Amino acid sequence: MSVLLASQLAEGGHTVTIIDADRNHPVADWARRPARLDVLDSITEDTIIGTIEAAGARADYVIVDLEGTANLMQAYAISRADLVIVPSQGSHLAASRQGRP
């Protein structure tokens, strides 16, 4: 999702940096293919805030891709975010409960 969002922004003429802060780096190789994306993938808990701020100084958009577990790196990244998107998988139970408490 991060790469698709970044690619669409880049195609619109914006500069985009993706910070692949997942320790498995699933985005890094895949995201380097679109022409206008800058990918940073050597991110640690100690460097995440500085990396986000430095990327924000040179790019129109900074997208941070995080692993799906709660940790301090997520908290640090979210503290610098204008928007947080949490992908989730739909389920029949969730759909059938819409509109009901």
PDB file of N, CA and C in Angstrom:
ATOM      1  N   MET A   1       0.818  -1.176   0.000  1.00  0.00           N
ATOM      2  CA  MET A   1       0.000   0.000   0.000  1.00  0.00           C
ATOM      3  C   MET A   1       0.871   1.251   0.000  1.00  0.00           C
ATOM      4  N   SER A   2       1.964   1.214   0.734  1.00  0.00           N
ATOM      5  CA  SER A   2       2.864   2.362   0.781  1.00  0.00           C
ATOM      6  C   SER A   2       3.447   2.680  -0.585  1.00  0.00           C
ATOM      7  N   VAL A   3       3.869   1.653  -1.291  1.00  0.00           N
ATOM      8  CA  VAL A   3       4.469   1.850  -2.609  1.00  0.00           C
ATOM      9  C   VAL A   3       3.432   2.362  -3.598  1.00  0.00           C
ATOM     10  N   LEU A   4       2.232   1.835  -3.543  1.00  0.00           N
ATOM     11  CA  LEU A   4       1.182   2.300  -4.449  1.00  0.00           C
ATOM     12  C   LEU A   4       0.838   3.765  -4.197  1.00  0.00           C
ATOM     13  N   LEU A   5       0.692   4.141  -2.942  1.00  0.00           N
ATOM     14  CA  LEU A   5       0.408   5.528  -2.601  1.00  0.00           C
ATOM     15  C   LEU A   5       1.549   6.435  -3.045  1.00  0.00           C
ATOM     16  N   ALA A   6       2.771   6.035  -2.740  1.00  0.00           N
ATOM     17  CA  ALA A   6       3.937   6.833  -3.129  1.00  0.00           C
ATOM     18  C   ALA A   6       4.043   6.961  -4.643  1.00  0.00           C
ATOM     19  N   SER A   7       3.779   5.881  -5.354  1.00  0.00           N
ATOM     20  CA  SER A   7       3.856   5.903  -6.814  1.00  0.00           C
ATOM     21  C   SER A   7       2.836   6.863  -7.407  1.00  0.00           C
ATOM     22  N   GLN A   8       1.637   6.862  -6.878  1.00  0.00           N
ATOM     23  CA  GLN A   8       0.608   7.770  -7.380  1.00  0.00           C
ATOM     24  C   GLN A   8       0.993   9.229  -7.129  1.00  0.00           C
ATOM     25  N   LEU A   9       1.531   9.510  -5.958  1.00  0.00           N
ATOM     26  CA  LEU A   9       1.978  10.874  -5.663  1.00  0.00           C
ATOM     27  C   LEU A   9       3.114  11.289  -6.592  1.00  0.00           C
ATOM     28  N   ALA A  10       4.054  10.375  -6.828  1.00  0.00           N
ATOM     29  CA  ALA A  10       5.194  10.667  -7.714  1.00  0.00           C
ATOM     30  C   ALA A  10       4.722  10.893  -9.147  1.00  0.00           C
ATOM     31  N   GLU A  11       3.768  10.091  -9.596  1.00  0.00           N
ATOM     32  CA  GLU A  11       3.232  10.270 -10.944  1.00  0.00           C
ATOM     33  C   GLU A  11       2.535  11.618 -11.088  1.00  0.00           C
ATOM     34  N   GLY A  12       2.064  12.164  -9.982  1.00  0.00           N
ATOM     35  CA  GLY A  12       1.445  13.483  -9.986  1.00  0.00           C
ATOM     36  C   GLY A  12       2.459  14.613  -9.934  1.00  0.00           C
ATOM     37  N   GLY A  13       3.753  14.268  -9.976  1.00  0.00           N
ATOM     38  CA  GLY A  13       4.797  15.273 -10.014  1.00  0.00           C
ATOM     39  C   GLY A  13       5.398  15.645  -8.668  1.00  0.00           C
ATOM     40  N   HIS A  14       5.035  14.938  -7.617  1.00  0.00           N
ATOM     41  CA  HIS A  14       5.561  15.227  -6.285  1.00  0.00           C
ATOM     42  C   HIS A  14       6.821  14.428  -6.004  1.00  0.00           C
ATOM     43  N   THR A  15       7.678  14.975  -5.153  1.00  0.00           N
ATOM     44  CA  THR A  15       8.816  14.197  -4.668  1.00  0.00           C
ATOM     45  C   THR A  15       8.337  13.403  -3.457  1.00  0.00           C
ATOM     46  N   VAL A  16       8.754  12.142  -3.394  1.00  0.00           N
ATOM     47  CA  VAL A  16       8.267  11.238  -2.358  1.00  0.00           C
ATOM     48  C   VAL A  16       9.433  10.449  -1.785  1.00  0.00           C
ATOM     49  N   THR A  17       9.483  10.353  -0.477  1.00  0.00           N
ATOM     50  CA  THR A  17      10.437   9.481   0.204  1.00  0.00           C
ATOM     51  C   THR A  17       9.650   8.438   0.975  1.00  0.00           C
ATOM     52  N   ILE A  18      10.034   7.182   0.816  1.00  0.00           N
ATOM     53  CA  ILE A  18       9.454   6.101   1.615  1.00  0.00           C
ATOM     54  C   ILE A  18      10.508   5.681   2.631  1.00  0.00           C
ATOM     55  N   ILE A  19      10.115   5.642   3.886  1.00  0.00           N
ATOM     56  CA  ILE A  19      10.982   5.132   4.941  1.00  0.00           C
ATOM     57  C   ILE A  19      10.491   3.733   5.269  1.00  0.00           C
ATOM     58  N   ASP A  20      11.281   2.737   4.922  1.00  0.00           N
ATOM     59  CA  ASP A  20      10.928   1.342   5.180  1.00  0.00           C
ATOM     60  C   ASP A  20      11.464   0.979   6.553  1.00  0.00           C
ATOM     61  N   ALA A  21      10.631   1.185   7.571  1.00  0.00           N
ATOM     62  CA  ALA A  21      11.063   0.964   8.947  1.00  0.00           C
ATOM     63  C   ALA A  21      10.693  -0.419   9.464  1.00  0.00           C
ATOM     64  N   ASP A  22      10.224  -1.286   8.601  1.00  0.00           N
ATOM     65  CA  ASP A  22       9.978  -2.680   8.959  1.00  0.00           C
ATOM     66  C   ASP A  22      11.327  -3.381   8.960  1.00  0.00           C
ATOM     67  N   ARG A  23      11.654  -4.074  10.006  1.00  0.00           N
ATOM     68  CA  ARG A  23      12.993  -4.677  10.086  1.00  0.00           C
ATOM     69  C   ARG A  23      13.236  -5.739   9.012  1.00  0.00           C
ATOM     70  N   ASN A  24      12.180  -6.227   8.372  1.00  0.00           N
ATOM     71  CA  ASN A  24      12.335  -7.166   7.263  1.00  0.00           C
ATOM     72  C   ASN A  24      12.520  -6.472   5.921  1.00  0.00           C
ATOM     73  N   HIS A  25      12.294  -5.165   5.869  1.00  0.00           N
ATOM     74  CA  HIS A  25      12.459  -4.327   4.673  1.00  0.00           C
ATOM     75  C   HIS A  25      11.725  -4.863   3.442  1.00  0.00           C
ATOM     76  N   PRO A  26      10.435  -5.153   3.562  1.00  0.00           N
ATOM     77  CA  PRO A  26       9.714  -5.689   2.408  1.00  0.00           C
ATOM     78  C   PRO A  26       9.491  -4.678   1.295  1.00  0.00           C
ATOM     79  N   VAL A  27       9.549  -3.405   1.611  1.00  0.00           N
ATOM     80  CA  VAL A  27       9.253  -2.366   0.627  1.00  0.00           C
ATOM     81  C   VAL A  27      10.493  -1.930  -0.147  1.00  0.00           C
ATOM     82  N   ALA A  28      11.646  -2.017   0.455  1.00  0.00           N
ATOM     83  CA  ALA A  28      12.854  -1.392  -0.091  1.00  0.00           C
ATOM     84  C   ALA A  28      13.157  -1.776  -1.539  1.00  0.00           C
ATOM     85  N   ASP A  29      13.264  -3.038  -1.851  1.00  0.00           N
ATOM     86  CA  ASP A  29      13.595  -3.434  -3.220  1.00  0.00           C
ATOM     87  C   ASP A  29      12.454  -3.146  -4.186  1.00  0.00           C
ATOM     88  N   TRP A  30      11.249  -3.413  -3.770  1.00  0.00           N
ATOM     89  CA  TRP A  30      10.090  -3.231  -4.642  1.00  0.00           C
ATOM     90  C   TRP A  30       9.868  -1.758  -4.962  1.00  0.00           C
ATOM     91  N   ALA A  31      10.051  -0.899  -3.991  1.00  0.00           N
ATOM     92  CA  ALA A  31       9.746   0.521  -4.165  1.00  0.00           C
ATOM     93  C   ALA A  31      10.799   1.267  -4.972  1.00  0.00           C
ATOM     94  N   ARG A  32      11.953   0.731  -5.150  1.00  0.00           N
ATOM     95  CA  ARG A  32      12.995   1.430  -5.909  1.00  0.00           C
ATOM     96  C   ARG A  32      12.701   1.435  -7.402  1.00  0.00           C
ATOM     97  N   ARG A  33      11.784   0.630  -7.855  1.00  0.00           N
ATOM     98  CA  ARG A  33      11.491   0.547  -9.291  1.00  0.00           C
ATOM     99  C   ARG A  33      10.852   1.819  -9.846  1.00  0.00           C
ATOM    100  N   PRO A  34       9.827   2.423  -9.197  1.00  0.00           N
ATOM    101  CA  PRO A  34       9.288   3.669  -9.743  1.00  0.00           C
ATOM    102  C   PRO A  34      10.354   4.768  -9.718  1.00  0.00           C
ATOM    103  N   ALA A  35      10.355   5.588 -10.735  1.00  0.00           N
ATOM    104  CA  ALA A  35      11.445   6.523 -10.966  1.00  0.00           C
ATOM    105  C   ALA A  35      11.651   7.577  -9.884  1.00  0.00           C
ATOM    106  N   ARG A  36      10.612   8.141  -9.323  1.00  0.00           N
ATOM    107  CA  ARG A  36      10.777   9.315  -8.485  1.00  0.00           C
ATOM    108  C   ARG A  36      10.719   9.016  -6.993  1.00  0.00           C
ATOM    109  N   LEU A  37      10.890   7.776  -6.585  1.00  0.00           N
ATOM    110  CA  LEU A  37      10.809   7.436  -5.167  1.00  0.00           C
ATOM    111  C   LEU A  37      12.191   7.285  -4.560  1.00  0.00           C
ATOM    112  N   ASP A  38      12.388   7.918  -3.435  1.00  0.00           N
ATOM    113  CA  ASP A  38      13.610   7.790  -2.654  1.00  0.00           C
ATOM    114  C   ASP A  38      13.261   6.841  -1.505  1.00  0.00           C
ATOM    115  N   VAL A  39      14.035   5.765  -1.338  1.00  0.00           N
ATOM    116  CA  VAL A  39      13.734   4.778  -0.301  1.00  0.00           C
ATOM    117  C   VAL A  39      14.874   4.743   0.715  1.00  0.00           C
ATOM    118  N   LEU A  40      14.534   4.876   1.980  1.00  0.00           N
ATOM    119  CA  LEU A  40      15.493   4.780   3.073  1.00  0.00           C
ATOM    120  C   LEU A  40      15.150   3.537   3.869  1.00  0.00           C
ATOM    121  N   ASP A  41      16.157   2.669   4.116  1.00  0.00           N
ATOM    122  CA  ASP A  41      15.819   1.404   4.771  1.00  0.00           C
ATOM    123  C   ASP A  41      16.756   0.973   5.881  1.00  0.00           C
ATOM    124  N   SER A  42      17.603   1.841   6.367  1.00  0.00           N
ATOM    125  CA  SER A  42      18.469   1.491   7.500  1.00  0.00           C
ATOM    126  C   SER A  42      18.025   2.301   8.713  1.00  0.00           C
ATOM    127  N   ILE A  43      16.789   2.080   9.117  1.00  0.00           N
ATOM    128  CA  ILE A  43      16.152   2.890  10.150  1.00  0.00           C
ATOM    129  C   ILE A  43      16.113   2.103  11.457  1.00  0.00           C
ATOM    130  N   THR A  44      16.392   2.803  12.546  1.00  0.00           N
ATOM    131  CA  THR A  44      16.304   2.195  13.873  1.00  0.00           C
ATOM    132  C   THR A  44      15.410   3.057  14.750  1.00  0.00           C
ATOM    133  N   GLU A  45      15.107   2.542  15.912  1.00  0.00           N
ATOM    134  CA  GLU A  45      14.329   3.298  16.888  1.00  0.00           C
ATOM    135  C   GLU A  45      15.013   4.629  17.211  1.00  0.00           C
ATOM    136  N   ASP A  46      16.334   4.613  17.260  1.00  0.00           N
ATOM    137  CA  ASP A  46      17.091   5.817  17.598  1.00  0.00           C
ATOM    138  C   ASP A  46      17.149   6.841  16.470  1.00  0.00           C
ATOM    139  N   THR A  47      16.943   6.405  15.215  1.00  0.00           N
ATOM    140  CA  THR A  47      17.092   7.321  14.087  1.00  0.00           C
ATOM    141  C   THR A  47      15.788   7.699  13.394  1.00  0.00           C
ATOM    142  N   ILE A  48      14.677   7.084  13.775  1.00  0.00           N
ATOM    143  CA  ILE A  48      13.426   7.275  13.033  1.00  0.00           C
ATOM    144  C   ILE A  48      12.971   8.734  13.015  1.00  0.00           C
ATOM    145  N   ILE A  49      12.995   9.422  14.139  1.00  0.00           N
ATOM    146  CA  ILE A  49      12.509  10.802  14.179  1.00  0.00           C
ATOM    147  C   ILE A  49      13.383  11.715  13.324  1.00  0.00           C
ATOM    148  N   GLY A  50      14.692  11.617  13.466  1.00  0.00           N
ATOM    149  CA  GLY A  50      15.598  12.430  12.659  1.00  0.00           C
ATOM    150  C   GLY A  50      15.470  12.125  11.174  1.00  0.00           C
ATOM    151  N   THR A  51      15.264  10.858  10.849  1.00  0.00           N
ATOM    152  CA  THR A  51      15.103  10.461   9.447  1.00  0.00           C
ATOM    153  C   THR A  51      13.826  11.051   8.859  1.00  0.00           C
ATOM    154  N   ILE A  52      12.746  11.004   9.602  1.00  0.00           N
ATOM    155  CA  ILE A  52      11.482  11.583   9.133  1.00  0.00           C
ATOM    156  C   ILE A  52      11.636  13.091   8.932  1.00  0.00           C
ATOM    157  N   GLU A  53      12.243  13.761   9.886  1.00  0.00           N
ATOM    158  CA  GLU A  53      12.396  15.211   9.782  1.00  0.00           C
ATOM    159  C   GLU A  53      13.306  15.602   8.626  1.00  0.00           C
ATOM    160  N   ALA A  54      14.403  14.876   8.427  1.00  0.00           N
ATOM    161  CA  ALA A  54      15.310  15.181   7.310  1.00  0.00           C
ATOM    162  C   ALA A  54      14.632  14.917   5.971  1.00  0.00           C
ATOM    163  N   ALA A  55      13.894  13.820   5.871  1.00  0.00           N
ATOM    164  CA  ALA A  55      13.187  13.503   4.626  1.00  0.00           C
ATOM    165  C   ALA A  55      12.120  14.554   4.340  1.00  0.00           C
ATOM    166  N   GLY A  56      11.450  15.016   5.367  1.00  0.00           N
ATOM    167  CA  GLY A  56      10.414  16.027   5.205  1.00  0.00           C
ATOM    168  C   GLY A  56      10.952  17.361   4.714  1.00  0.00           C
ATOM    169  N   ALA A  57      12.222  17.627   5.000  1.00  0.00           N
ATOM    170  CA  ALA A  57      12.838  18.874   4.550  1.00  0.00           C
ATOM    171  C   ALA A  57      13.125  18.863   3.054  1.00  0.00           C
ATOM    172  N   ARG A  58      13.215  17.677   2.447  1.00  0.00           N
ATOM    173  CA  ARG A  58      13.577  17.620   1.026  1.00  0.00           C
ATOM    174  C   ARG A  58      12.521  16.992   0.122  1.00  0.00           C
ATOM    175  N   ALA A  59      11.467  16.424   0.685  1.00  0.00           N
ATOM    176  CA  ALA A  59      10.441  15.771  -0.137  1.00  0.00           C
ATOM    177  C   ALA A  59       9.079  16.386   0.139  1.00  0.00           C
ATOM    178  N   ASP A  60       8.227  16.357  -0.872  1.00  0.00           N
ATOM    179  CA  ASP A  60       6.859  16.840  -0.693  1.00  0.00           C
ATOM    180  C   ASP A  60       6.081  15.928   0.249  1.00  0.00           C
ATOM    181  N   TYR A  61       6.328  14.622   0.132  1.00  0.00           N
ATOM    182  CA  TYR A  61       5.639  13.628   0.960  1.00  0.00           C
ATOM    183  C   TYR A  61       6.646  12.639   1.511  1.00  0.00           C
ATOM    184  N   VAL A  62       6.420  12.233   2.767  1.00  0.00           N
ATOM    185  CA  VAL A  62       7.211  11.181   3.401  1.00  0.00           C
ATOM    186  C   VAL A  62       6.230  10.108   3.864  1.00  0.00           C
ATOM    187  N   ILE A  63       6.446   8.902   3.396  1.00  0.00           N
ATOM    188  CA  ILE A  63       5.601   7.774   3.779  1.00  0.00           C
ATOM    189  C   ILE A  63       6.462   6.813   4.582  1.00  0.00           C
ATOM    190  N   VAL A  64       5.998   6.486   5.772  1.00  0.00           N
ATOM    191  CA  VAL A  64       6.735   5.576   6.645  1.00  0.00           C
ATOM    192  C   VAL A  64       5.996   4.249   6.669  1.00  0.00           C
ATOM    193  N   ASP A  65       6.660   3.196   6.233  1.00  0.00           N
ATOM    194  CA  ASP A  65       6.092   1.851   6.256  1.00  0.00           C
ATOM    195  C   ASP A  65       6.646   1.147   7.487  1.00  0.00           C
ATOM    196  N   LEU A  66       5.766   0.747   8.399  1.00  0.00           N
ATOM    197  CA  LEU A  66       6.172   0.122   9.661  1.00  0.00           C
ATOM    198  C   LEU A  66       5.709  -1.321   9.714  1.00  0.00           C
ATOM    199  N   GLU A  67       6.378  -2.108  10.548  1.00  0.00           N
ATOM    200  CA  GLU A  67       5.936  -3.483  10.731  1.00  0.00           C
ATOM    201  C   GLU A  67       4.647  -3.499  11.544  1.00  0.00           C
ATOM    202  N   GLY A  68       3.941  -4.593  11.486  1.00  0.00           N
ATOM    203  CA  GLY A  68       2.621  -4.683  12.100  1.00  0.00           C
ATOM    204  C   GLY A  68       2.604  -5.076  13.557  1.00  0.00           C
ATOM    205  N   THR A  69       3.572  -4.642  14.325  1.00  0.00           N
ATOM    206  CA  THR A  69       3.569  -4.915  15.756  1.00  0.00           C
ATOM    207  C   THR A  69       3.760  -3.606  16.511  1.00  0.00           C
ATOM    208  N   ALA A  70       3.167  -3.511  17.677  1.00  0.00           N
ATOM    209  CA  ALA A  70       3.295  -2.300  18.482  1.00  0.00           C
ATOM    210  C   ALA A  70       4.706  -2.219  19.063  1.00  0.00           C
ATOM    211  N   ASN A  71       5.357  -1.084  18.832  1.00  0.00           N
ATOM    212  CA  ASN A  71       6.681  -0.862  19.396  1.00  0.00           C
ATOM    213  C   ASN A  71       6.960   0.632  19.454  1.00  0.00           C
ATOM    214  N   LEU A  72       8.084   1.010  20.025  1.00  0.00           N
ATOM    215  CA  LEU A  72       8.412   2.423  20.156  1.00  0.00           C
ATOM    216  C   LEU A  72       8.621   3.103  18.813  1.00  0.00           C
ATOM    217  N   MET A  73       9.150   2.377  17.819  1.00  0.00           N
ATOM    218  CA  MET A  73       9.358   2.990  16.517  1.00  0.00           C
ATOM    219  C   MET A  73       8.019   3.451  15.942  1.00  0.00           C
ATOM    220  N   GLN A  74       6.978   2.652  16.102  1.00  0.00           N
ATOM    221  CA  GLN A  74       5.655   3.066  15.634  1.00  0.00           C
ATOM    222  C   GLN A  74       5.195   4.323  16.363  1.00  0.00           C
ATOM    223  N   ALA A  75       5.367   4.350  17.665  1.00  0.00           N
ATOM    224  CA  ALA A  75       4.948   5.517  18.443  1.00  0.00           C
ATOM    225  C   ALA A  75       5.709   6.764  17.995  1.00  0.00           C
ATOM    226  N   TYR A  76       7.005   6.630  17.764  1.00  0.00           N
ATOM    227  CA  TYR A  76       7.802   7.781  17.312  1.00  0.00           C
ATOM    228  C   TYR A  76       7.338   8.255  15.938  1.00  0.00           C
ATOM    229  N   ALA A  77       7.105   7.336  15.017  1.00  0.00           N
ATOM    230  CA  ALA A  77       6.682   7.699  13.666  1.00  0.00           C
ATOM    231  C   ALA A  77       5.299   8.352  13.698  1.00  0.00           C
ATOM    232  N   ILE A  78       4.386   7.784  14.445  1.00  0.00           N
ATOM    233  CA  ILE A  78       3.036   8.344  14.535  1.00  0.00           C
ATOM    234  C   ILE A  78       3.060   9.740  15.144  1.00  0.00           C
ATOM    235  N   SER A  79       3.994   9.969  16.070  1.00  0.00           N
ATOM    236  CA  SER A  79       4.077  11.301  16.695  1.00  0.00           C
ATOM    237  C   SER A  79       4.453  12.383  15.692  1.00  0.00           C
ATOM    238  N   ARG A  80       5.025  12.014  14.555  1.00  0.00           N
ATOM    239  CA  ARG A  80       5.428  12.973  13.517  1.00  0.00           C
ATOM    240  C   ARG A  80       4.469  12.990  12.325  1.00  0.00           C
ATOM    241  N   ALA A  81       3.412  12.189  12.383  1.00  0.00           N
ATOM    242  CA  ALA A  81       2.532  12.001  11.223  1.00  0.00           C
ATOM    243  C   ALA A  81       1.422  13.039  11.141  1.00  0.00           C
ATOM    244  N   ASP A  82       1.101  13.410   9.899  1.00  0.00           N
ATOM    245  CA  ASP A  82      -0.097  14.200   9.628  1.00  0.00           C
ATOM    246  C   ASP A  82      -1.286  13.278   9.384  1.00  0.00           C
ATOM    247  N   LEU A  83      -1.008  12.074   8.926  1.00  0.00           N
ATOM    248  CA  LEU A  83      -2.046  11.097   8.603  1.00  0.00           C
ATOM    249  C   LEU A  83      -1.486   9.709   8.879  1.00  0.00           C
ATOM    250  N   VAL A  84      -2.296   8.850   9.487  1.00  0.00           N
ATOM    251  CA  VAL A  84      -1.911   7.467   9.749  1.00  0.00           C
ATOM    252  C   VAL A  84      -2.936   6.564   9.066  1.00  0.00           C
ATOM    253  N   ILE A  85      -2.445   5.649   8.239  1.00  0.00           N
ATOM    254  CA  ILE A  85      -3.310   4.676   7.576  1.00  0.00           C
ATOM    255  C   ILE A  85      -2.961   3.301   8.121  1.00  0.00           C
ATOM    256  N   VAL A  86      -3.956   2.616   8.647  1.00  0.00           N
ATOM    257  CA  VAL A  86      -3.754   1.286   9.206  1.00  0.00           C
ATOM    258  C   VAL A  86      -4.509   0.298   8.333  1.00  0.00           C
ATOM    259  N   PRO A  87      -3.782  -0.465   7.513  1.00  0.00           N
ATOM    260  CA  PRO A  87      -4.483  -1.434   6.672  1.00  0.00           C
ATOM    261  C   PRO A  87      -5.045  -2.564   7.531  1.00  0.00           C
ATOM    262  N   SER A  88      -6.202  -3.021   7.137  1.00  0.00           N
ATOM    263  CA  SER A  88      -6.788  -4.146   7.851  1.00  0.00           C
ATOM    264  C   SER A  88      -7.492  -5.039   6.842  1.00  0.00           C
ATOM    265  N   GLN A  89      -7.677  -6.245   7.228  1.00  0.00           N
ATOM    266  CA  GLN A  89      -8.330  -7.205   6.356  1.00  0.00           C
ATOM    267  C   GLN A  89      -9.800  -7.282   6.753  1.00  0.00           C
ATOM    268  N   GLY A  90     -10.674  -7.133   5.786  1.00  0.00           N
ATOM    269  CA  GLY A  90     -12.097  -7.200   6.060  1.00  0.00           C
ATOM    270  C   GLY A  90     -12.529  -8.605   6.444  1.00  0.00           C
ATOM    271  N   SER A  91     -13.602  -8.677   7.181  1.00  0.00           N
ATOM    272  CA  SER A  91     -14.141  -9.991   7.543  1.00  0.00           C
ATOM    273  C   SER A  91     -15.673  -9.939   7.474  1.00  0.00           C
ATOM    274  N   HIS A  92     -16.264 -11.086   7.316  1.00  0.00           N
ATOM    275  CA  HIS A  92     -17.721 -11.169   7.278  1.00  0.00           C
ATOM    276  C   HIS A  92     -18.300 -10.655   8.592  1.00  0.00           C
ATOM    277  N   LEU A  93     -17.690 -10.990   9.720  1.00  0.00           N
ATOM    278  CA  LEU A  93     -18.188 -10.564  11.023  1.00  0.00           C
ATOM    279  C   LEU A  93     -18.188  -9.042  11.125  1.00  0.00           C
ATOM    280  N   ALA A  94     -17.106  -8.396  10.714  1.00  0.00           N
ATOM    281  CA  ALA A  94     -17.037  -6.933  10.780  1.00  0.00           C
ATOM    282  C   ALA A  94     -18.091  -6.304   9.876  1.00  0.00           C
ATOM    283  N   ALA A  95     -18.266  -6.843   8.684  1.00  0.00           N
ATOM    284  CA  ALA A  95     -19.247  -6.298   7.746  1.00  0.00           C
ATOM    285  C   ALA A  95     -20.670  -6.478   8.257  1.00  0.00           C
ATOM    286  N   SER A  96     -20.963  -7.593   8.878  1.00  0.00           N
ATOM    287  CA  SER A  96     -22.321  -7.865   9.347  1.00  0.00           C
ATOM    288  C   SER A  96     -22.658  -7.049  10.597  1.00  0.00           C
ATOM    289  N   ARG A  97     -21.666  -6.500  11.275  1.00  0.00           N
ATOM    290  CA  ARG A  97     -21.894  -5.732  12.504  1.00  0.00           C
ATOM    291  C   ARG A  97     -21.967  -4.226  12.224  1.00  0.00           C
ATOM    292  N   GLN A  98     -21.807  -3.796  10.978  1.00  0.00           N
ATOM    293  CA  GLN A  98     -21.824  -2.362  10.673  1.00  0.00           C
ATOM    294  C   GLN A  98     -23.121  -1.733  11.124  1.00  0.00           C
ATOM    295  N   GLY A  99     -22.990  -0.591  11.768  1.00  0.00           N
ATOM    296  CA  GLY A  99     -24.157   0.133  12.228  1.00  0.00           C
ATOM    297  C   GLY A  99     -24.722  -0.367  13.536  1.00  0.00           C
ATOM    298  N   ARG A 100     -24.150  -1.443  14.078  1.00  0.00           N
ATOM    299  CA  ARG A 100     -24.625  -1.984  15.355  1.00  0.00           C
ATOM    300  C   ARG A 100     -23.491  -1.911  16.372  1.00  0.00           C
ATOM    301  N   PRO A 101     -23.806  -1.605  17.600  1.00  0.00           N
ATOM    302  CA  PRO A 101     -22.768  -1.546  18.651  1.00  0.00           C
ATOM    303  C   PRO A 101     -22.207  -2.899  18.986  1.00  0.00           C
TER     304      PRO A 101
END
